[in-house]
Amino acid sequence: MVKQRNKSQLKTQEISTEDDINKMQLSKLTELEFRAMILMKLNSMCKGINTISKDLETLKINQLEMKNHQEEMKNDIAEIKDTLEGLNSRVEEAEDRISELEDRVEKKSSIQKTKGKKKNN
């Protein structure tokens, strides 16, 4: 019976086969070719590091911008809260005035009713 290999086993086998091939190729290189290959690999790694460094700077800038926008939003929210509190205060004042006027109207109408009754008597 043949064993079936899972993907990770196959991947490991492929990597080890590639490593074996690379080792064989490296052993055939001359000193000058080997050094040139190492320099190319280092150059490639430096480019990768530079790219990562630029990406990191971009992320830092974006993070600062997000913090600034967050502060602006906090300020806007505080301003909106203040405005709403002011509006609520005005509404309460208006309700108080309306209540006072209703009380006055009620007093005047009760006074007029009592005067009307006195005249009729």
PDB file of N, CA and C in Angstrom:
ATOM      1  N   MET A   1       0.835  -1.171   0.000  1.00  0.00           N
ATOM      2  CA  MET A   1       0.000   0.000   0.000  1.00  0.00           C
ATOM      3  C   MET A   1       0.891   1.251   0.000  1.00  0.00           C
ATOM      4  N   VAL A   2       0.569   2.225  -0.844  1.00  0.00           N
ATOM      5  CA  VAL A   2       1.358   3.446  -0.990  1.00  0.00           C
ATOM      6  C   VAL A   2       0.807   4.502  -0.039  1.00  0.00           C
ATOM      7  N   LYS A   3       1.717   5.161   0.696  1.00  0.00           N
ATOM      8  CA  LYS A   3       1.314   6.229   1.605  1.00  0.00           C
ATOM      9  C   LYS A   3       1.063   7.500   0.810  1.00  0.00           C
ATOM     10  N   GLN A   4       0.003   8.199   1.185  1.00  0.00           N
ATOM     11  CA  GLN A   4      -0.254   9.503   0.569  1.00  0.00           C
ATOM     12  C   GLN A   4       0.404  10.569   1.423  1.00  0.00           C
ATOM     13  N   ARG A   5       1.020  11.514   0.777  1.00  0.00           N
ATOM     14  CA  ARG A   5       1.700  12.591   1.491  1.00  0.00           C
ATOM     15  C   ARG A   5       0.815  13.822   1.508  1.00  0.00           C
ATOM     16  N   ASN A   6       0.825  14.510   2.639  1.00  0.00           N
ATOM     17  CA  ASN A   6       0.054  15.740   2.710  1.00  0.00           C
ATOM     18  C   ASN A   6       0.853  16.884   2.093  1.00  0.00           C
ATOM     19  N   LYS A   7       0.226  18.044   1.984  1.00  0.00           N
ATOM     20  CA  LYS A   7       0.854  19.185   1.300  1.00  0.00           C
ATOM     21  C   LYS A   7       2.136  19.648   1.980  1.00  0.00           C
ATOM     22  N   SER A   8       2.141  19.678   3.298  1.00  0.00           N
ATOM     23  CA  SER A   8       3.347  20.158   3.999  1.00  0.00           C
ATOM     24  C   SER A   8       4.519  19.208   3.785  1.00  0.00           C
ATOM     25  N   GLN A   9       4.250  17.915   3.725  1.00  0.00           N
ATOM     26  CA  GLN A   9       5.325  16.960   3.466  1.00  0.00           C
ATOM     27  C   GLN A   9       5.874  17.154   2.058  1.00  0.00           C
ATOM     28  N   LEU A  10       4.978  17.350   1.093  1.00  0.00           N
ATOM     29  CA  LEU A  10       5.416  17.578  -0.288  1.00  0.00           C
ATOM     30  C   LEU A  10       6.219  18.870  -0.387  1.00  0.00           C
ATOM     31  N   LYS A  11       5.757  19.904   0.305  1.00  0.00           N
ATOM     32  CA  LYS A  11       6.449  21.194   0.283  1.00  0.00           C
ATOM     33  C   LYS A  11       7.849  21.040   0.869  1.00  0.00           C
ATOM     34  N   THR A  12       7.966  20.327   1.975  1.00  0.00           N
ATOM     35  CA  THR A  12       9.266  20.102   2.614  1.00  0.00           C
ATOM     36  C   THR A  12      10.194  19.344   1.667  1.00  0.00           C
ATOM     37  N   GLN A  13       9.638  18.362   0.979  1.00  0.00           N
ATOM     38  CA  GLN A  13      10.444  17.584   0.039  1.00  0.00           C
ATOM     39  C   GLN A  13      10.913  18.469  -1.112  1.00  0.00           C
ATOM     40  N   GLU A  14      10.011  19.348  -1.622  1.00  0.00           N
ATOM     41  CA  GLU A  14      10.393  20.244  -2.713  1.00  0.00           C
ATOM     42  C   GLU A  14      11.496  21.183  -2.276  1.00  0.00           C
ATOM     43  N   ILE A  15      11.380  21.735  -1.066  1.00  0.00           N
ATOM     44  CA  ILE A  15      12.392  22.675  -0.563  1.00  0.00           C
ATOM     45  C   ILE A  15      13.734  21.965  -0.405  1.00  0.00           C
ATOM     46  N   SER A  16      13.703  20.763   0.164  1.00  0.00           N
ATOM     47  CA  SER A  16      14.977  20.047   0.362  1.00  0.00           C
ATOM     48  C   SER A  16      15.591  19.687  -0.983  1.00  0.00           C
ATOM     49  N   THR A  17      14.775  19.363  -1.970  1.00  0.00           N
ATOM     50  CA  THR A  17      15.291  19.064  -3.309  1.00  0.00           C
ATOM     51  C   THR A  17      15.908  20.323  -3.917  1.00  0.00           C
ATOM     52  N   GLU A  18      15.233  21.453  -3.754  1.00  0.00           N
ATOM     53  CA  GLU A  18      15.787  22.719  -4.259  1.00  0.00           C
ATOM     54  C   GLU A  18      17.094  23.048  -3.560  1.00  0.00           C
ATOM     55  N   ASP A  19      17.135  22.830  -2.253  1.00  0.00           N
ATOM     56  CA  ASP A  19      18.367  23.087  -1.501  1.00  0.00           C
ATOM     57  C   ASP A  19      19.508  22.207  -2.013  1.00  0.00           C
ATOM     58  N   ASP A  20      19.202  20.940  -2.282  1.00  0.00           N
ATOM     59  CA  ASP A  20      20.228  20.029  -2.803  1.00  0.00           C
ATOM     60  C   ASP A  20      20.749  20.514  -4.153  1.00  0.00           C
ATOM     61  N   ILE A  21      19.822  20.940  -4.999  1.00  0.00           N
ATOM     62  CA  ILE A  21      20.222  21.441  -6.319  1.00  0.00           C
ATOM     63  C   ILE A  21      21.071  22.689  -6.167  1.00  0.00           C
ATOM     64  N   ASN A  22      20.637  23.621  -5.278  1.00  0.00           N
ATOM     65  CA  ASN A  22      21.396  24.848  -5.047  1.00  0.00           C
ATOM     66  C   ASN A  22      22.787  24.550  -4.519  1.00  0.00           C
ATOM     67  N   LYS A  23      22.899  23.584  -3.602  1.00  0.00           N
ATOM     68  CA  LYS A  23      24.208  23.210  -3.065  1.00  0.00           C
ATOM     69  C   LYS A  23      25.110  22.662  -4.158  1.00  0.00           C
ATOM     70  N   MET A  24      24.535  21.864  -5.025  1.00  0.00           N
ATOM     71  CA  MET A  24      25.331  21.295  -6.130  1.00  0.00           C
ATOM     72  C   MET A  24      25.803  22.411  -7.056  1.00  0.00           C
ATOM     73  N   GLN A  25      24.905  23.356  -7.343  1.00  0.00           N
ATOM     74  CA  GLN A  25      25.279  24.453  -8.236  1.00  0.00           C
ATOM     75  C   GLN A  25      26.330  25.335  -7.583  1.00  0.00           C
ATOM     76  N   LEU A  26      26.196  25.578  -6.277  1.00  0.00           N
ATOM     77  CA  LEU A  26      27.166  26.413  -5.571  1.00  0.00           C
ATOM     78  C   LEU A  26      28.556  25.772  -5.563  1.00  0.00           C
ATOM     79  N   SER A  27      28.588  24.474  -5.436  1.00  0.00           N
ATOM     80  CA  SER A  27      29.892  23.795  -5.387  1.00  0.00           C
ATOM     81  C   SER A  27      30.621  23.869  -6.726  1.00  0.00           C
ATOM     82  N   LYS A  28      29.877  24.096  -7.804  1.00  0.00           N
ATOM     83  CA  LYS A  28      30.492  24.176  -9.132  1.00  0.00           C
ATOM     84  C   LYS A  28      30.969  25.592  -9.471  1.00  0.00           C
ATOM     85  N   LEU A  29      30.597  26.576  -8.658  1.00  0.00           N
ATOM     86  CA  LEU A  29      30.965  27.959  -8.963  1.00  0.00           C
ATOM     87  C   LEU A  29      32.432  28.215  -8.630  1.00  0.00           C
ATOM     88  N   THR A  30      33.013  29.115  -9.425  1.00  0.00           N
ATOM     89  CA  THR A  30      34.373  29.553  -9.097  1.00  0.00           C
ATOM     90  C   THR A  30      34.280  30.573  -7.975  1.00  0.00           C
ATOM     91  N   GLU A  31      35.410  30.895  -7.384  1.00  0.00           N
ATOM     92  CA  GLU A  31      35.437  31.865  -6.289  1.00  0.00           C
ATOM     93  C   GLU A  31      34.852  33.199  -6.731  1.00  0.00           C
ATOM     94  N   LEU A  32      35.218  33.641  -7.927  1.00  0.00           N
ATOM     95  CA  LEU A  32      34.737  34.924  -8.447  1.00  0.00           C
ATOM     96  C   LEU A  32      33.235  34.888  -8.694  1.00  0.00           C
ATOM     97  N   GLU A  33      32.704  33.809  -9.257  1.00  0.00           N
ATOM     98  CA  GLU A  33      31.278  33.670  -9.514  1.00  0.00           C
ATOM     99  C   GLU A  33      30.496  33.635  -8.194  1.00  0.00           C
ATOM    100  N   PHE A  34      31.071  32.916  -7.222  1.00  0.00           N
ATOM    101  CA  PHE A  34      30.427  32.823  -5.915  1.00  0.00           C
ATOM    102  C   PHE A  34      30.316  34.203  -5.259  1.00  0.00           C
ATOM    103  N   ARG A  35      31.424  34.956  -5.308  1.00  0.00           N
ATOM    104  CA  ARG A  35      31.407  36.300  -4.722  1.00  0.00           C
ATOM    105  C   ARG A  35      30.428  37.213  -5.446  1.00  0.00           C
ATOM    106  N   ALA A  36      30.378  37.107  -6.752  1.00  0.00           N
ATOM    107  CA  ALA A  36      29.442  37.922  -7.537  1.00  0.00           C
ATOM    108  C   ALA A  36      27.999  37.566  -7.169  1.00  0.00           C
ATOM    109  N   MET A  37      27.722  36.277  -7.016  1.00  0.00           N
ATOM    110  CA  MET A  37      26.384  35.839  -6.658  1.00  0.00           C
ATOM    111  C   MET A  37      26.012  36.360  -5.256  1.00  0.00           C
ATOM    112  N   ILE A  38      26.946  36.293  -4.313  1.00  0.00           N
ATOM    113  CA  ILE A  38      26.703  36.790  -2.957  1.00  0.00           C
ATOM    114  C   ILE A  38      26.416  38.289  -2.988  1.00  0.00           C
ATOM    115  N   LEU A  39      27.189  39.036  -3.776  1.00  0.00           N
ATOM    116  CA  LEU A  39      26.963  40.480  -3.890  1.00  0.00           C
ATOM    117  C   LEU A  39      25.588  40.777  -4.492  1.00  0.00           C
ATOM    118  N   MET A  40      25.181  39.998  -5.473  1.00  0.00           N
ATOM    119  CA  MET A  40      23.851  40.199  -6.072  1.00  0.00           C
ATOM    120  C   MET A  40      22.754  39.913  -5.042  1.00  0.00           C
ATOM    121  N   LYS A  41      22.947  38.845  -4.271  1.00  0.00           N
ATOM    122  CA  LYS A  41      21.955  38.515  -3.238  1.00  0.00           C
ATOM    123  C   LYS A  41      21.891  39.626  -2.180  1.00  0.00           C
ATOM    124  N   LEU A  42      23.051  40.120  -1.750  1.00  0.00           N
ATOM    125  CA  LEU A  42      23.085  41.211  -0.766  1.00  0.00           C
ATOM    126  C   LEU A  42      22.429  42.471  -1.325  1.00  0.00           C
ATOM    127  N   ASN A  43      22.704  42.764  -2.583  1.00  0.00           N
ATOM    128  CA  ASN A  43      22.099  43.927  -3.233  1.00  0.00           C
ATOM    129  C   ASN A  43      20.571  43.776  -3.265  1.00  0.00           C
ATOM    130  N   SER A  44      20.116  42.579  -3.595  1.00  0.00           N
ATOM    131  CA  SER A  44      18.685  42.304  -3.628  1.00  0.00           C
ATOM    132  C   SER A  44      18.080  42.465  -2.236  1.00  0.00           C
ATOM    133  N   MET A  45      18.765  41.999  -1.217  1.00  0.00           N
ATOM    134  CA  MET A  45      18.282  42.130   0.160  1.00  0.00           C
ATOM    135  C   MET A  45      18.230  43.597   0.571  1.00  0.00           C
ATOM    136  N   CYS A  46      19.238  44.376   0.156  1.00  0.00           N
ATOM    137  CA  CYS A  46      19.249  45.811   0.483  1.00  0.00           C
ATOM    138  C   CYS A  46      18.063  46.521  -0.139  1.00  0.00           C
ATOM    139  N   LYS A  47      17.750  46.165  -1.391  1.00  0.00           N
ATOM    140  CA  LYS A  47      16.587  46.772  -2.049  1.00  0.00           C
ATOM    141  C   LYS A  47      15.312  46.415  -1.297  1.00  0.00           C
ATOM    142  N   GLY A  48      15.225  45.165  -0.860  1.00  0.00           N
ATOM    143  CA  GLY A  48      14.063  44.735  -0.090  1.00  0.00           C
ATOM    144  C   GLY A  48      13.952  45.491   1.224  1.00  0.00           C
ATOM    145  N   ILE A  49      15.078  45.676   1.888  1.00  0.00           N
ATOM    146  CA  ILE A  49      15.088  46.407   3.158  1.00  0.00           C
ATOM    147  C   ILE A  49      14.694  47.855   2.930  1.00  0.00           C
ATOM    148  N   ASN A  50      15.194  48.457   1.845  1.00  0.00           N
ATOM    149  CA  ASN A  50      14.823  49.844   1.528  1.00  0.00           C
ATOM    150  C   ASN A  50      13.324  49.969   1.277  1.00  0.00           C
ATOM    151  N   THR A  51      12.781  49.002   0.566  1.00  0.00           N
ATOM    152  CA  THR A  51      11.345  49.015   0.295  1.00  0.00           C
ATOM    153  C   THR A  51      10.559  48.901   1.598  1.00  0.00           C
ATOM    154  N   ILE A  52      10.991  48.005   2.456  1.00  0.00           N
ATOM    155  CA  ILE A  52      10.327  47.834   3.746  1.00  0.00           C
ATOM    156  C   ILE A  52      10.448  49.112   4.570  1.00  0.00           C
ATOM    157  N   SER A  53      11.604  49.742   4.520  1.00  0.00           N
ATOM    158  CA  SER A  53      11.822  50.986   5.264  1.00  0.00           C
ATOM    159  C   SER A  53      10.887  52.089   4.766  1.00  0.00           C
ATOM    160  N   LYS A  54      10.750  52.199   3.439  1.00  0.00           N
ATOM    161  CA  LYS A  54       9.845  53.203   2.870  1.00  0.00           C
ATOM    162  C   LYS A  54       8.401  52.908   3.268  1.00  0.00           C
ATOM    163  N   ASP A  55       8.035  51.627   3.218  1.00  0.00           N
ATOM    164  CA  ASP A  55       6.676  51.247   3.617  1.00  0.00           C
ATOM    165  C   ASP A  55       6.429  51.582   5.084  1.00  0.00           C
ATOM    166  N   LEU A  56       7.421  51.367   5.911  1.00  0.00           N
ATOM    167  CA  LEU A  56       7.302  51.675   7.332  1.00  0.00           C
ATOM    168  C   LEU A  56       7.124  53.173   7.548  1.00  0.00           C
ATOM    169  N   GLU A  57       7.874  53.979   6.824  1.00  0.00           N
ATOM    170  CA  GLU A  57       7.724  55.438   6.921  1.00  0.00           C
ATOM    171  C   GLU A  57       6.326  55.870   6.491  1.00  0.00           C
ATOM    172  N   THR A  58       5.837  55.266   5.409  1.00  0.00           N
ATOM    173  CA  THR A  58       4.488  55.574   4.935  1.00  0.00           C
ATOM    174  C   THR A  58       3.459  55.221   5.999  1.00  0.00           C
ATOM    175  N   LEU A  59       3.640  54.073   6.628  1.00  0.00           N
ATOM    176  CA  LEU A  59       2.725  53.670   7.694  1.00  0.00           C
ATOM    177  C   LEU A  59       2.766  54.645   8.871  1.00  0.00           C
ATOM    178  N   LYS A  60       3.961  55.108   9.218  1.00  0.00           N
ATOM    179  CA  LYS A  60       4.086  56.073  10.316  1.00  0.00           C
ATOM    180  C   LYS A  60       3.364  57.372   9.973  1.00  0.00           C
ATOM    181  N   ILE A  61       3.539  57.827   8.746  1.00  0.00           N
ATOM    182  CA  ILE A  61       2.873  59.059   8.303  1.00  0.00           C
ATOM    183  C   ILE A  61       1.363  58.876   8.350  1.00  0.00           C
ATOM    184  N   ASN A  62       0.892  57.737   7.843  1.00  0.00           N
ATOM    185  CA  ASN A  62      -0.548  57.467   7.856  1.00  0.00           C
ATOM    186  C   ASN A  62      -1.080  57.408   9.285  1.00  0.00           C
ATOM    187  N   GLN A  63      -0.302  56.828  10.175  1.00  0.00           N
ATOM    188  CA  GLN A  63      -0.710  56.735  11.574  1.00  0.00           C
ATOM    189  C   GLN A  63      -0.838  58.139  12.183  1.00  0.00           C
ATOM    190  N   LEU A  64       0.130  59.012  11.894  1.00  0.00           N
ATOM    191  CA  LEU A  64       0.061  60.385  12.404  1.00  0.00           C
ATOM    192  C   LEU A  64      -1.151  61.119  11.847  1.00  0.00           C
ATOM    193  N   GLU A  65      -1.409  60.925  10.552  1.00  0.00           N
ATOM    194  CA  GLU A  65      -2.571  61.564   9.943  1.00  0.00           C
ATOM    195  C   GLU A  65      -3.860  61.082  10.597  1.00  0.00           C
ATOM    196  N   MET A  66      -3.921  59.774  10.879  1.00  0.00           N
ATOM    197  CA  MET A  66      -5.112  59.228  11.522  1.00  0.00           C
ATOM    198  C   MET A  66      -5.281  59.808  12.924  1.00  0.00           C
ATOM    199  N   LYS A  67      -4.176  59.973  13.651  1.00  0.00           N
ATOM    200  CA  LYS A  67      -4.257  60.572  14.980  1.00  0.00           C
ATOM    201  C   LYS A  67      -4.768  62.004  14.889  1.00  0.00           C
ATOM    202  N   ASN A  68      -4.265  62.749  13.897  1.00  0.00           N
ATOM    203  CA  ASN A  68      -4.723  64.128  13.711  1.00  0.00           C
ATOM    204  C   ASN A  68      -6.213  64.176  13.392  1.00  0.00           C
ATOM    205  N   HIS A  69      -6.648  63.280  12.506  1.00  0.00           N
ATOM    206  CA  HIS A  69      -8.071  63.239  12.160  1.00  0.00           C
ATOM    207  C   HIS A  69      -8.903  62.848  13.379  1.00  0.00           C
ATOM    208  N   GLN A  70      -8.361  61.955  14.180  1.00  0.00           N
ATOM    209  CA  GLN A  70      -9.068  61.534  15.388  1.00  0.00           C
ATOM    210  C   GLN A  70      -9.222  62.720  16.343  1.00  0.00           C
ATOM    211  N   GLU A  71      -8.170  63.511  16.492  1.00  0.00           N
ATOM    212  CA  GLU A  71      -8.248  64.700  17.351  1.00  0.00           C
ATOM    213  C   GLU A  71      -9.272  65.694  16.801  1.00  0.00           C
ATOM    214  N   GLU A  72      -9.257  65.878  15.480  1.00  0.00           N
ATOM    215  CA  GLU A  72     -10.234  66.777  14.867  1.00  0.00           C
ATOM    216  C   GLU A  72     -11.655  66.291  15.132  1.00  0.00           C
ATOM    217  N   MET A  73     -11.845  64.975  15.018  1.00  0.00           N
ATOM    218  CA  MET A  73     -13.174  64.412  15.260  1.00  0.00           C
ATOM    219  C   MET A  73     -13.590  64.602  16.719  1.00  0.00           C
ATOM    220  N   LYS A  74     -12.647  64.427  17.645  1.00  0.00           N
ATOM    221  CA  LYS A  74     -12.954  64.645  19.057  1.00  0.00           C
ATOM    222  C   LYS A  74     -13.374  66.092  19.283  1.00  0.00           C
ATOM    223  N   ASN A  75     -12.649  67.030  18.660  1.00  0.00           N
ATOM    224  CA  ASN A  75     -12.994  68.447  18.793  1.00  0.00           C
ATOM    225  C   ASN A  75     -14.366  68.731  18.199  1.00  0.00           C
ATOM    226  N   ASP A  76     -14.653  68.136  17.041  1.00  0.00           N
ATOM    227  CA  ASP A  76     -15.956  68.330  16.408  1.00  0.00           C
ATOM    228  C   ASP A  76     -17.075  67.786  17.289  1.00  0.00           C
ATOM    229  N   ILE A  77     -16.833  66.626  17.883  1.00  0.00           N
ATOM    230  CA  ILE A  77     -17.849  66.028  18.758  1.00  0.00           C
ATOM    231  C   ILE A  77     -18.084  66.921  19.978  1.00  0.00           C
ATOM    232  N   ALA A  78     -17.009  67.445  20.552  1.00  0.00           N
ATOM    233  CA  ALA A  78     -17.146  68.340  21.706  1.00  0.00           C
ATOM    234  C   ALA A  78     -17.939  69.582  21.308  1.00  0.00           C
ATOM    235  N   GLU A  79     -17.664  70.108  20.131  1.00  0.00           N
ATOM    236  CA  GLU A  79     -18.383  71.290  19.650  1.00  0.00           C
ATOM    237  C   GLU A  79     -19.866  70.986  19.457  1.00  0.00           C
ATOM    238  N   ILE A  80     -20.160  69.815  18.909  1.00  0.00           N
ATOM    239  CA  ILE A  80     -21.553  69.414  18.701  1.00  0.00           C
ATOM    240  C   ILE A  80     -22.263  69.259  20.046  1.00  0.00           C
ATOM    241  N   LYS A  81     -21.570  68.661  21.014  1.00  0.00           N
ATOM    242  CA  LYS A  81     -22.162  68.519  22.353  1.00  0.00           C
ATOM    243  C   LYS A  81     -22.485  69.879  22.955  1.00  0.00           C
ATOM    244  N   ASP A  82     -21.536  70.814  22.831  1.00  0.00           N
ATOM    245  CA  ASP A  82     -21.761  72.161  23.372  1.00  0.00           C
ATOM    246  C   ASP A  82     -22.966  72.814  22.696  1.00  0.00           C
ATOM    247  N   THR A  83     -23.053  72.658  21.389  1.00  0.00           N
ATOM    248  CA  THR A  83     -24.168  73.240  20.646  1.00  0.00           C
ATOM    249  C   THR A  83     -25.487  72.637  21.107  1.00  0.00           C
ATOM    250  N   LEU A  84     -25.504  71.307  21.277  1.00  0.00           N
ATOM    251  CA  LEU A  84     -26.731  70.652  21.726  1.00  0.00           C
ATOM    252  C   LEU A  84     -27.123  71.089  23.133  1.00  0.00           C
ATOM    253  N   GLU A  85     -26.144  71.241  24.002  1.00  0.00           N
ATOM    254  CA  GLU A  85     -26.432  71.718  25.353  1.00  0.00           C
ATOM    255  C   GLU A  85     -27.027  73.122  25.315  1.00  0.00           C
ATOM    256  N   GLY A  86     -26.475  73.968  24.445  1.00  0.00           N
ATOM    257  CA  GLY A  86     -27.018  75.326  24.288  1.00  0.00           C
ATOM    258  C   GLY A  86     -28.444  75.303  23.784  1.00  0.00           C
ATOM    259  N   LEU A  87     -28.697  74.434  22.802  1.00  0.00           N
ATOM    260  CA  LEU A  87     -30.060  74.324  22.263  1.00  0.00           C
ATOM    261  C   LEU A  87     -31.024  73.799  23.316  1.00  0.00           C
ATOM    262  N   ASN A  88     -30.581  72.805  24.071  1.00  0.00           N
ATOM    263  CA  ASN A  88     -31.441  72.270  25.132  1.00  0.00           C
ATOM    264  C   ASN A  88     -31.754  73.350  26.171  1.00  0.00           C
ATOM    265  N   SER A  89     -30.760  74.152  26.493  1.00  0.00           N
ATOM    266  CA  SER A  89     -30.970  75.243  27.443  1.00  0.00           C
ATOM    267  C   SER A  89     -32.003  76.222  26.910  1.00  0.00           C
ATOM    268  N   ARG A  90     -31.904  76.563  25.630  1.00  0.00           N
ATOM    269  CA  ARG A  90     -32.873  77.498  25.027  1.00  0.00           C
ATOM    270  C   ARG A  90     -34.279  76.906  25.016  1.00  0.00           C
ATOM    271  N   VAL A  91     -34.367  75.618  24.724  1.00  0.00           N
ATOM    272  CA  VAL A  91     -35.681  74.969  24.723  1.00  0.00           C
ATOM    273  C   VAL A  91     -36.283  75.012  26.119  1.00  0.00           C
ATOM    274  N   GLU A  92     -35.473  74.728  27.134  1.00  0.00           N
ATOM    275  CA  GLU A  92     -35.969  74.778  28.513  1.00  0.00           C
ATOM    276  C   GLU A  92     -36.434  76.184  28.879  1.00  0.00           C
ATOM    277  N   GLU A  93     -35.660  77.202  28.473  1.00  0.00           N
ATOM    278  CA  GLU A  93     -36.055  78.589  28.737  1.00  0.00           C
ATOM    279  C   GLU A  93     -37.377  78.909  28.058  1.00  0.00           C
ATOM    280  N   ALA A  94     -37.519  78.469  26.812  1.00  0.00           N
ATOM    281  CA  ALA A  94     -38.755  78.725  26.067  1.00  0.00           C
ATOM    282  C   ALA A  94     -39.933  78.026  26.740  1.00  0.00           C
ATOM    283  N   GLU A  95     -39.720  76.799  27.206  1.00  0.00           N
ATOM    284  CA  GLU A  95     -40.787  76.073  27.892  1.00  0.00           C
ATOM    285  C   GLU A  95     -41.188  76.800  29.182  1.00  0.00           C
ATOM    286  N   ASP A  96     -40.186  77.308  29.904  1.00  0.00           N
ATOM    287  CA  ASP A  96     -40.477  78.062  31.127  1.00  0.00           C
ATOM    288  C   ASP A  96     -41.294  79.318  30.812  1.00  0.00           C
ATOM    289  N   ARG A  97     -40.911  80.037  29.745  1.00  0.00           N
ATOM    290  CA  ARG A  97     -41.643  81.254  29.359  1.00  0.00           C
ATOM    291  C   ARG A  97     -43.077  80.915  28.961  1.00  0.00           C
ATOM    292  N   ILE A  98     -43.215  79.838  28.201  1.00  0.00           N
ATOM    293  CA  ILE A  98     -44.565  79.428  27.773  1.00  0.00           C
ATOM    294  C   ILE A  98     -45.416  79.089  28.987  1.00  0.00           C
ATOM    295  N   SER A  99     -44.809  78.373  29.915  1.00  0.00           N
ATOM    296  CA  SER A  99     -45.543  78.009  31.139  1.00  0.00           C
ATOM    297  C   SER A  99     -45.956  79.257  31.914  1.00  0.00           C
ATOM    298  N   GLU A 100     -45.057  80.242  32.021  1.00  0.00           N
ATOM    299  CA  GLU A 100     -45.390  81.500  32.714  1.00  0.00           C
ATOM    300  C   GLU A 100     -46.528  82.226  32.002  1.00  0.00           C
ATOM    301  N   LEU A 101     -46.461  82.274  30.666  1.00  0.00           N
ATOM    302  CA  LEU A 101     -47.523  82.947  29.905  1.00  0.00           C
ATOM    303  C   LEU A 101     -48.854  82.225  30.068  1.00  0.00           C
ATOM    304  N   GLU A 102     -48.826  80.903  30.064  1.00  0.00           N
ATOM    305  CA  GLU A 102     -50.067  80.146  30.263  1.00  0.00           C
ATOM    306  C   GLU A 102     -50.654  80.428  31.642  1.00  0.00           C
ATOM    307  N   ASP A 103     -49.766  80.531  32.645  1.00  0.00           N
ATOM    308  CA  ASP A 103     -50.233  80.852  33.999  1.00  0.00           C
ATOM    309  C   ASP A 103     -50.873  82.239  34.027  1.00  0.00           C
ATOM    310  N   ARG A 104     -50.263  83.218  33.354  1.00  0.00           N
ATOM    311  CA  ARG A 104     -50.822  84.583  33.300  1.00  0.00           C
ATOM    312  C   ARG A 104     -52.194  84.583  32.639  1.00  0.00           C
ATOM    313  N   VAL A 105     -52.249  83.855  31.494  1.00  0.00           N
ATOM    314  CA  VAL A 105     -53.528  83.804  30.768  1.00  0.00           C
ATOM    315  C   VAL A 105     -54.600  83.181  31.646  1.00  0.00           C
ATOM    316  N   GLU A 106     -54.240  82.136  32.350  1.00  0.00           N
ATOM    317  CA  GLU A 106     -55.206  81.466  33.231  1.00  0.00           C
ATOM    318  C   GLU A 106     -55.665  82.401  34.360  1.00  0.00           C
ATOM    319  N   LYS A 107     -54.729  83.159  34.934  1.00  0.00           N
ATOM    320  CA  LYS A 107     -55.083  84.108  35.994  1.00  0.00           C
ATOM    321  C   LYS A 107     -56.012  85.187  35.466  1.00  0.00           C
ATOM    322  N   LYS A 108     -55.673  85.731  34.285  1.00  0.00           N
ATOM    323  CA  LYS A 108     -56.503  86.799  33.707  1.00  0.00           C
ATOM    324  C   LYS A 108     -57.893  86.286  33.394  1.00  0.00           C
ATOM    325  N   SER A 109     -57.971  85.097  32.856  1.00  0.00           N
ATOM    326  CA  SER A 109     -59.299  84.576  32.520  1.00  0.00           C
ATOM    327  C   SER A 109     -60.111  84.297  33.789  1.00  0.00           C
ATOM    328  N   SER A 110     -59.471  83.835  34.843  1.00  0.00           N
ATOM    329  CA  SER A 110     -60.205  83.603  36.099  1.00  0.00           C
ATOM    330  C   SER A 110     -60.641  84.930  36.717  1.00  0.00           C
ATOM    331  N   ILE A 111     -59.792  85.977  36.613  1.00  0.00           N
ATOM    332  CA  ILE A 111     -60.143  87.315  37.123  1.00  0.00           C
ATOM    333  C   ILE A 111     -61.315  87.870  36.339  1.00  0.00           C
ATOM    334  N   GLN A 112     -61.280  87.713  35.024  1.00  0.00           N
ATOM    335  CA  GLN A 112     -62.374  88.226  34.186  1.00  0.00           C
ATOM    336  C   GLN A 112     -63.673  87.487  34.490  1.00  0.00           C
ATOM    337  N   LYS A 113     -63.596  86.199  34.758  1.00  0.00           N
ATOM    338  CA  LYS A 113     -64.801  85.440  35.093  1.00  0.00           C
ATOM    339  C   LYS A 113     -65.400  85.934  36.414  1.00  0.00           C
ATOM    340  N   THR A 114     -64.513  86.178  37.387  1.00  0.00           N
ATOM    341  CA  THR A 114     -65.007  86.666  38.684  1.00  0.00           C
ATOM    342  C   THR A 114     -65.582  88.071  38.549  1.00  0.00           C
ATOM    343  N   LYS A 115     -65.003  88.937  37.723  1.00  0.00           N
ATOM    344  CA  LYS A 115     -65.535  90.288  37.498  1.00  0.00           C
ATOM    345  C   LYS A 115     -66.889  90.212  36.801  1.00  0.00           C
ATOM    346  N   GLY A 116     -66.980  89.295  35.856  1.00  0.00           N
ATOM    347  CA  GLY A 116     -68.240  89.120  35.122  1.00  0.00           C
ATOM    348  C   GLY A 116     -69.338  88.663  36.041  1.00  0.00           C
ATOM    349  N   LYS A 117     -69.035  87.805  36.989  1.00  0.00           N
ATOM    350  CA  LYS A 117     -70.031  87.303  37.933  1.00  0.00           C
ATOM    351  C   LYS A 117     -70.461  88.431  38.886  1.00  0.00           C
ATOM    352  N   LYS A 118     -69.513  89.281  39.287  1.00  0.00           N
ATOM    353  CA  LYS A 118     -69.822  90.382  40.205  1.00  0.00           C
ATOM    354  C   LYS A 118     -70.739  91.400  39.516  1.00  0.00           C
ATOM    355  N   LYS A 119     -70.499  91.671  38.219  1.00  0.00           N
ATOM    356  CA  LYS A 119     -71.319  92.626  37.477  1.00  0.00           C
ATOM    357  C   LYS A 119     -72.745  92.101  37.329  1.00  0.00           C
ATOM    358  N   ASN A 120     -72.859  90.816  37.115  1.00  0.00           N
ATOM    359  CA  ASN A 120     -74.181  90.215  36.935  1.00  0.00           C
ATOM    360  C   ASN A 120     -74.968  90.191  38.237  1.00  0.00           C
ATOM    361  N   ASN A 121     -74.307  90.206  39.354  1.00  0.00           N
ATOM    362  CA  ASN A 121     -75.014  90.160  40.636  1.00  0.00           C
ATOM    363  C   ASN A 121     -75.451  91.507  41.028  1.00  0.00           C
TER     364      ASN A 121
END
